């Protein structure tokens, strides 16, 4: 289970590396994972892994690590990373090496941004002055060009391999990507079969579309946004897929309500969302503990009486014992504001920390 978290999702690469290489205590003597569920940047990680064929070089985790460490921090000789580009970047004109390499493209891009941004700002100002309120000014997605992310997804994800993954007899690669339907707030879970040329790339992009920061994505007439709003760590889709051992990888440490006061309004909003998502995840894990206890009780009844109570339940498959291993950093990765910090230094540090935490995982923390 791979959660969202922007640049902090590089932590997942380190944990996955330890799991796939067998250095994680929770993964020793177990087969490689077959089901990958993700939201946000975790959806991208899951899709990349499911795009690799068994025995293909580089390995799924090796390829994913190369994307994060070598490709994502910067796109070629451009000033931006391979996730987003800031529009109207006037500081580029003071970057002499960059202007020397791309003099014409820099001016064309800048004036293209102005043609897009300025009319929108004028419309927002008009609505505000006419009594429409200032809410539209809170939408910062107009300032972020996500075409680099589109290119990254299309270049690194193989839709045909994903579609065949659920029925591959060599090694299953079941993929579940979560997005949130805008307006209704209902989760949309994209399965392997839905990763068509029309939908597949957009599904990943939609799962990463953090409200306010990135624009919503339209798929077959409906708008979708960040999947982490409804399933930050999508546990239930994995259980529905028949998993008995689940690795849940968070990118945020356990929330400490005694921490420092928020430094800004944006920091306060971020902390509020973190609390809400953490509470939802804890409820899911508590429910799993209770179901595990029920499953053990049902098994004792079956052994004693010969009657399995699950046969009388509407969904007996849900009442089975599932082991859940949680991995999460001990601190906020990269510090405050690192959610969009795709620098090479920040990403490499997160990968190293994930690998170290997984290798030192304490089995007593598992939910049995």
Protein backbone atom coordinates (compact mmCIF):
# COMPACT_ATOMS: atom_id res chain seq x y z
CA UNK A 1 0.00 0.00 0.00
CA UNK A 2 1.74 3.13 -1.23
CA UNK A 3 0.51 6.47 0.06
CA UNK A 4 0.68 9.90 -1.50
CA UNK A 5 3.07 12.56 -0.34
CA UNK A 6 4.66 14.32 -3.30
CA UNK A 7 8.44 14.25 -3.12
CA UNK A 8 8.26 12.34 0.16
CA UNK A 9 7.05 9.27 -1.77
CA UNK A 10 10.73 8.65 -2.56
CA UNK A 11 10.75 7.07 0.93
CA UNK A 12 8.61 4.26 -0.52
CA UNK A 13 11.36 3.39 -3.01
CA UNK A 14 13.77 2.66 -0.17
CA UNK A 15 11.25 0.51 1.71
CA UNK A 16 10.33 -1.39 -1.46
CA UNK A 17 14.00 -1.96 -2.24
CA UNK A 18 14.50 -3.60 1.16
CA UNK A 19 11.35 -5.73 0.73
CA UNK A 20 12.27 -6.91 -2.78
CA UNK A 21 15.89 -7.64 -1.84
CA UNK A 22 14.86 -9.59 1.28
CA UNK A 23 16.69 -7.40 3.79
CA UNK A 24 13.44 -6.42 5.50
CA UNK A 25 12.61 -8.81 8.39
CA UNK A 26 8.92 -8.74 7.44
CA UNK A 27 9.64 -9.96 3.91
CA UNK A 28 12.10 -12.78 4.55
CA UNK A 29 11.04 -16.21 3.25
CA UNK A 30 7.95 -14.70 1.63
CA UNK A 31 7.19 -14.41 -2.10
CA UNK A 32 7.41 -11.03 -3.79
CA UNK A 33 4.32 -8.81 -3.52
CA UNK A 34 1.70 -9.34 -6.23
CA UNK A 35 -0.76 -6.53 -5.44
CA UNK A 36 0.12 -2.84 -5.54
CA UNK A 37 -2.36 -0.18 -4.41
CA UNK A 38 -1.49 3.49 -4.47
CA UNK A 39 -2.76 7.02 -4.19
CA UNK A 40 -0.99 10.22 -5.22
CA UNK A 41 2.71 9.71 -5.86
CA UNK A 42 2.24 6.20 -4.48
CA UNK A 43 -0.03 5.50 -7.47
CA UNK A 44 2.81 6.47 -9.79
CA UNK A 45 5.20 4.15 -7.92
CA UNK A 46 2.71 1.28 -8.06
CA UNK A 47 2.06 1.78 -11.78
CA UNK A 48 5.78 1.83 -12.62
CA UNK A 49 6.35 -1.44 -10.74
CA UNK A 50 3.41 -3.11 -12.51
CA UNK A 51 4.82 -1.92 -15.86
CA UNK A 52 7.85 -4.20 -15.59
CA UNK A 53 7.83 -7.79 -16.81
CA UNK A 54 9.30 -10.62 -14.69
CA UNK A 55 13.02 -10.90 -15.35
CA UNK A 56 13.17 -7.57 -17.18
CA UNK A 57 16.29 -5.45 -16.71
CA UNK A 58 16.46 -3.23 -14.82
CA UNK A 59 14.28 -4.74 -12.10
CA UNK A 60 11.04 -2.95 -11.12
CA UNK A 61 12.62 -1.34 -8.05
CA UNK A 62 15.89 -0.59 -9.84
CA UNK A 63 14.00 1.21 -12.59
CA UNK A 64 11.82 3.06 -10.09
CA UNK A 65 14.87 4.18 -8.13
CA UNK A 66 16.56 5.45 -11.30
CA UNK A 67 13.45 7.50 -12.13
CA UNK A 68 13.40 9.15 -8.72
CA UNK A 69 17.13 9.69 -8.35
CA UNK A 70 18.07 10.58 -11.93
CA UNK A 71 14.98 11.68 -13.88
CA UNK A 72 12.55 13.39 -11.50
CA UNK A 73 14.89 16.01 -9.95
CA UNK A 74 15.34 17.87 -13.24
CA UNK A 75 14.21 17.60 -16.85
CA UNK A 76 17.23 17.82 -19.11
CA UNK A 77 18.76 21.28 -19.01
CA UNK A 78 15.52 22.98 -17.98
CA UNK A 79 15.08 24.85 -14.71
CA UNK A 80 12.16 22.72 -13.57
CA UNK A 81 11.80 19.13 -12.36
CA UNK A 82 9.85 16.38 -14.10
CA UNK A 83 6.73 16.87 -11.99
CA UNK A 84 5.72 20.48 -12.55
CA UNK A 85 6.95 23.83 -13.84
CA UNK A 86 6.23 27.18 -12.26
CA UNK A 87 4.57 29.52 -14.72
CA UNK A 88 5.81 33.10 -15.25
CA UNK A 89 9.22 32.22 -13.84
CA UNK A 90 10.81 35.64 -14.29
CA UNK A 91 13.93 34.56 -12.39
CA UNK A 92 14.91 32.53 -15.44
CA UNK A 93 16.05 35.74 -17.11
CA UNK A 94 18.75 36.09 -14.45
CA UNK A 95 19.93 32.51 -14.99
CA UNK A 96 22.56 33.34 -17.62
CA UNK A 97 23.65 29.72 -18.40
CA UNK A 98 20.01 28.76 -18.92
CA UNK A 99 19.25 31.81 -21.07
CA UNK A 100 22.34 31.12 -23.15
CA UNK A 101 21.13 27.58 -23.89
CA UNK A 102 17.43 28.39 -24.41
CA UNK A 103 17.06 32.08 -25.31
CA UNK A 104 14.13 31.82 -27.73
CA UNK A 105 12.23 29.06 -25.92
CA UNK A 106 12.44 30.96 -22.62
CA UNK A 107 10.71 34.03 -24.08
CA UNK A 108 8.09 31.98 -25.92
CA UNK A 109 7.30 30.00 -22.78
CA UNK A 110 7.09 33.14 -20.63
CA UNK A 111 4.69 34.97 -22.95
CA UNK A 112 2.66 31.77 -23.37
CA UNK A 113 2.30 31.62 -19.59
CA UNK A 114 1.24 35.27 -19.49
CA UNK A 115 -1.45 34.65 -22.11
CA UNK A 116 -2.85 31.86 -19.93
CA UNK A 117 -2.42 33.28 -16.43
CA UNK A 118 -3.22 36.99 -16.78
CA UNK A 119 -6.75 36.62 -18.25
CA UNK A 120 -7.58 34.10 -15.51
CA UNK A 121 -6.34 36.47 -12.81
CA UNK A 122 -8.45 39.25 -14.36
CA UNK A 123 -11.54 37.00 -14.24
CA UNK A 124 -10.88 36.13 -10.60
CA UNK A 125 -10.45 39.79 -9.72
CA UNK A 126 -13.69 40.65 -11.50
CA UNK A 127 -15.60 37.96 -9.61
CA UNK A 128 -14.13 39.16 -6.31
CA UNK A 129 -15.06 42.81 -6.95
CA UNK A 130 -18.58 41.86 -8.01
CA UNK A 131 -19.21 40.13 -4.69
CA UNK A 132 -18.20 36.61 -5.68
CA UNK A 133 -15.70 36.36 -2.83
CA UNK A 134 -11.97 35.64 -2.81
CA UNK A 135 -12.23 31.84 -2.77
CA UNK A 136 -11.07 31.50 -6.38
CA UNK A 137 -7.78 33.16 -5.42
CA UNK A 138 -6.99 30.16 -3.22
CA UNK A 139 -6.64 27.96 -6.31
CA UNK A 140 -2.92 27.97 -7.09
CA UNK A 141 -3.08 25.33 -9.85
CA UNK A 142 -3.00 28.06 -12.52
CA UNK A 143 0.63 28.72 -11.55
CA UNK A 144 1.72 25.10 -12.08
CA UNK A 145 2.24 23.50 -15.47
CA UNK A 146 1.96 19.71 -15.09
CA UNK A 147 3.03 18.82 -18.63
CA UNK A 148 6.38 17.50 -17.24
CA UNK A 149 4.43 15.03 -15.09
CA UNK A 150 2.37 13.94 -18.08
CA UNK A 151 5.54 13.21 -20.05
CA UNK A 152 7.11 11.37 -17.10
CA UNK A 153 4.06 9.10 -16.74
CA UNK A 154 3.73 8.34 -20.45
CA UNK A 155 7.44 7.59 -20.80
CA UNK A 156 7.78 5.34 -17.73
CA UNK A 157 4.47 3.44 -17.58
CA UNK A 158 3.62 0.61 -19.99
CA UNK A 159 -0.16 0.31 -20.17
CA UNK A 160 -0.17 -2.97 -22.09
CA UNK A 161 1.96 -4.71 -19.46
CA UNK A 162 -0.31 -3.37 -16.72
CA UNK A 163 -3.47 -4.66 -18.44
CA UNK A 164 -1.95 -8.14 -18.75
CA UNK A 165 -0.55 -8.15 -15.21
CA UNK A 166 -3.62 -9.47 -13.41
CA UNK A 167 -3.73 -12.63 -15.56
CA UNK A 168 0.03 -13.18 -16.03
CA UNK A 169 0.81 -16.79 -15.07
CA UNK A 170 4.52 -16.03 -14.49
CA UNK A 171 3.97 -13.42 -11.77
CA UNK A 172 0.80 -11.52 -11.06
CA UNK A 173 0.97 -7.73 -10.93
CA UNK A 174 -2.40 -6.56 -9.68
CA UNK A 175 -2.71 -2.76 -9.70
CA UNK A 176 -5.24 -0.55 -7.92
CA UNK A 177 -4.99 3.24 -8.31
CA UNK A 178 -7.24 5.47 -6.20
CA UNK A 179 -8.60 8.87 -7.25
CA UNK A 180 -11.38 11.04 -5.80
CA UNK A 181 -14.38 12.05 -7.90
CA UNK A 182 -14.69 15.81 -7.67
CA UNK A 183 -18.05 16.95 -6.38
CA UNK A 184 -19.31 13.67 -4.94
CA UNK A 185 -16.11 12.92 -3.00
CA UNK A 186 -16.48 9.23 -3.83
CA UNK A 187 -13.38 7.08 -4.34
CA UNK A 188 -12.71 5.72 -7.81
CA UNK A 189 -10.50 2.63 -7.89
CA UNK A 190 -8.92 2.02 -11.29
CA UNK A 191 -8.11 -1.66 -11.96
CA UNK A 192 -5.70 -3.27 -14.42
CA UNK A 193 -8.34 -3.64 -17.13
CA UNK A 194 -9.09 0.09 -17.03
CA UNK A 195 -5.54 1.08 -17.95
CA UNK A 196 -6.42 1.64 -21.58
CA UNK A 197 -4.76 4.20 -23.84
CA UNK A 198 -7.67 6.54 -23.17
CA UNK A 199 -7.79 6.22 -19.37
CA UNK A 200 -4.55 4.74 -18.00
CA UNK A 201 -2.18 7.71 -17.96
CA UNK A 202 -4.96 10.07 -16.87
CA UNK A 203 -5.84 7.79 -13.92
CA UNK A 204 -2.33 8.17 -12.50
CA UNK A 205 -2.31 11.91 -13.18
CA UNK A 206 -5.70 12.29 -11.48
CA UNK A 207 -4.56 10.39 -8.40
CA UNK A 208 -1.68 12.89 -8.09
CA UNK A 209 -3.86 15.99 -8.62
CA UNK A 210 -3.57 17.58 -5.18
CA UNK A 211 -6.35 20.17 -4.80
CA UNK A 212 -5.28 23.83 -4.92
CA UNK A 213 -1.78 22.81 -6.10
CA UNK A 214 -2.52 20.86 -9.31
CA UNK A 215 -5.58 20.99 -11.61
CA UNK A 216 -8.29 18.34 -11.65
CA UNK A 217 -8.15 15.72 -14.42
CA UNK A 218 -11.15 14.90 -16.62
CA UNK A 219 -11.68 11.21 -17.42
CA UNK A 220 -14.68 10.15 -19.50
CA UNK A 221 -16.64 13.26 -18.61
CA UNK A 222 -15.90 13.25 -14.86
CA UNK A 223 -13.34 15.28 -12.94
CA UNK A 224 -10.99 13.52 -10.52
CA UNK A 225 -8.50 14.77 -7.95
CA UNK A 226 -5.99 13.44 -5.40
CA UNK A 227 -6.80 9.90 -4.28
CA UNK A 228 -5.33 10.46 -0.82
CA UNK A 229 -8.35 12.55 0.15
CA UNK A 230 -10.40 9.36 0.49
CA UNK A 231 -7.72 6.65 0.75
CA UNK A 232 -4.28 7.89 1.74
CA UNK A 233 -3.15 4.30 2.24
CA UNK A 234 -5.66 2.13 0.30
CA UNK A 235 -5.94 -0.89 2.58
CA UNK A 236 -9.37 -2.19 1.56
CA UNK A 237 -8.65 -2.66 -2.16
CA UNK A 238 -5.76 -4.97 -1.23
CA UNK A 239 -7.95 -7.00 1.10
CA UNK A 240 -10.60 -7.24 -1.63
CA UNK A 241 -7.88 -8.53 -3.98
CA UNK A 242 -7.24 -11.43 -1.57
CA UNK A 243 -4.06 -10.29 0.17
CA UNK A 244 -3.04 -12.08 3.39
CA UNK A 245 0.15 -10.07 4.08
CA UNK A 246 0.10 -6.32 3.49
CA UNK A 247 2.94 -3.79 3.64
CA UNK A 248 1.54 -0.34 4.37
CA UNK A 249 4.04 2.41 3.56
CA UNK A 250 3.30 5.89 4.90
CA UNK A 251 5.36 8.94 4.04
CA UNK A 252 4.46 10.87 7.17
CA UNK A 253 5.53 10.13 10.77
CA UNK A 254 2.96 9.56 13.46
CA UNK A 255 1.26 12.86 14.16
CA UNK A 256 2.24 14.55 17.42
CA UNK A 257 -0.44 17.03 18.58
CA UNK A 258 2.11 18.54 20.98
CA UNK A 259 4.29 19.73 18.10
CA UNK A 260 5.12 23.33 17.26
CA UNK A 261 2.38 25.76 16.40
CA UNK A 262 1.68 26.13 12.65
CA UNK A 263 3.96 28.72 11.09
CA UNK A 264 1.40 29.84 8.50
CA UNK A 265 -2.17 29.35 7.33
CA UNK A 266 -0.96 26.84 4.72
CA UNK A 267 0.92 24.93 7.41
CA UNK A 268 -2.24 24.87 9.56
CA UNK A 269 -4.28 23.48 6.64
CA UNK A 270 -1.62 20.84 5.97
CA UNK A 271 -1.61 19.77 9.62
CA UNK A 272 -5.42 19.56 9.66
CA UNK A 273 -5.40 17.30 6.59
CA UNK A 274 -2.64 15.16 8.14
CA UNK A 275 -4.70 14.69 11.30
CA UNK A 276 -7.80 13.74 9.31
CA UNK A 277 -5.96 11.23 7.13
CA UNK A 278 -4.08 9.73 10.09
CA UNK A 279 -7.34 9.30 12.00
CA UNK A 280 -8.98 7.57 9.04
CA UNK A 281 -6.02 5.21 8.68
CA UNK A 282 -6.02 4.37 12.38
CA UNK A 283 -9.73 3.54 12.17
CA UNK A 284 -9.02 1.16 9.27
CA UNK A 285 -6.23 -0.52 11.20
CA UNK A 286 -8.37 -0.83 14.35
CA UNK A 287 -11.10 -2.42 12.25
CA UNK A 288 -8.57 -4.89 10.86
CA UNK A 289 -7.46 -5.81 14.40
CA UNK A 290 -11.06 -6.57 15.34
CA UNK A 291 -11.65 -8.60 12.18
CA UNK A 292 -8.46 -10.59 12.81
CA UNK A 293 -9.72 -11.37 16.31
CA UNK A 294 -13.09 -12.46 14.89
CA UNK A 295 -11.35 -14.64 12.30
CA UNK A 296 -9.39 -16.42 15.02
CA UNK A 297 -12.58 -16.91 17.04
CA UNK A 298 -14.41 -18.33 14.01
CA UNK A 299 -11.53 -20.74 13.40
CA UNK A 300 -11.64 -22.00 16.98
CA UNK A 301 -15.40 -22.56 16.66
CA UNK A 302 -14.87 -24.47 13.42
CA UNK A 303 -12.21 -26.69 15.00
CA UNK A 304 -14.40 -27.34 18.05
CA UNK A 305 -17.81 -27.83 16.46
CA UNK A 306 -17.04 -28.52 12.83
CA UNK A 307 -19.25 -25.58 11.84
CA UNK A 308 -17.71 -22.51 10.21
CA UNK A 309 -19.71 -19.37 11.22
CA UNK A 310 -18.34 -17.53 8.17
CA UNK A 311 -20.58 -19.65 5.96
CA UNK A 312 -23.56 -17.71 7.35
CA UNK A 313 -22.09 -14.25 6.70
CA UNK A 314 -22.88 -12.20 3.56
CA UNK A 315 -19.19 -11.68 2.70
CA UNK A 316 -17.22 -14.49 4.35
CA UNK A 317 -14.04 -13.66 2.44
CA UNK A 318 -13.61 -10.48 4.47
CA UNK A 319 -13.38 -12.44 7.73
CA UNK A 320 -9.92 -13.89 7.36
CA UNK A 321 -6.68 -13.17 9.17
CA UNK A 322 -4.54 -10.51 7.47
CA UNK A 323 -1.07 -9.50 8.65
CA UNK A 324 -0.33 -5.79 8.25
CA UNK A 325 3.19 -4.37 8.43
CA UNK A 326 3.49 -0.58 8.74
CA UNK A 327 6.46 1.44 7.59
CA UNK A 328 6.72 5.15 8.24
CA UNK A 329 9.55 7.64 8.83
CA UNK A 330 10.37 8.79 12.34
CA UNK A 331 10.48 12.44 11.30
CA UNK A 332 9.03 14.74 8.65
CA UNK A 333 11.04 13.94 5.56
CA UNK A 334 12.93 16.98 4.32
CA UNK A 335 11.34 19.27 6.89
CA UNK A 336 8.44 21.63 6.34
CA UNK A 337 7.66 22.56 2.79
CA UNK A 338 9.38 19.47 1.40
CA UNK A 339 6.18 18.12 -0.19
CA UNK A 340 7.18 19.75 -3.49
CA UNK A 341 10.94 19.65 -2.95
CA UNK A 342 12.09 17.37 -5.78
CA UNK A 343 15.77 18.19 -5.39
CA UNK A 344 18.18 15.30 -5.88
CA UNK A 345 19.54 15.69 -2.36
CA UNK A 346 16.08 15.51 -0.77
CA UNK A 347 15.04 12.48 -2.84
CA UNK A 348 18.23 10.50 -2.20
CA UNK A 349 17.95 11.15 1.54
CA UNK A 350 14.33 9.91 1.58
CA UNK A 351 15.23 6.73 -0.35
CA UNK A 352 18.11 5.98 2.02
CA UNK A 353 15.92 6.54 5.07
CA UNK A 354 13.22 4.23 3.73
CA UNK A 355 15.70 1.45 3.06
CA UNK A 356 17.24 1.87 6.51
CA UNK A 357 13.87 1.87 8.31
CA UNK A 358 12.70 -1.25 6.47
CA UNK A 359 15.93 -3.13 7.20
CA UNK A 360 15.54 -2.31 10.91
CA UNK A 361 11.81 -3.05 11.03
CA UNK A 362 10.50 -4.34 14.37
CA UNK A 363 8.18 -7.29 13.81
CA UNK A 364 6.45 -6.61 17.11
CA UNK A 365 4.81 -3.57 15.48
CA UNK A 366 2.85 -5.77 13.06
CA UNK A 367 -0.91 -6.06 13.21
CA UNK A 368 -1.69 -9.78 13.43
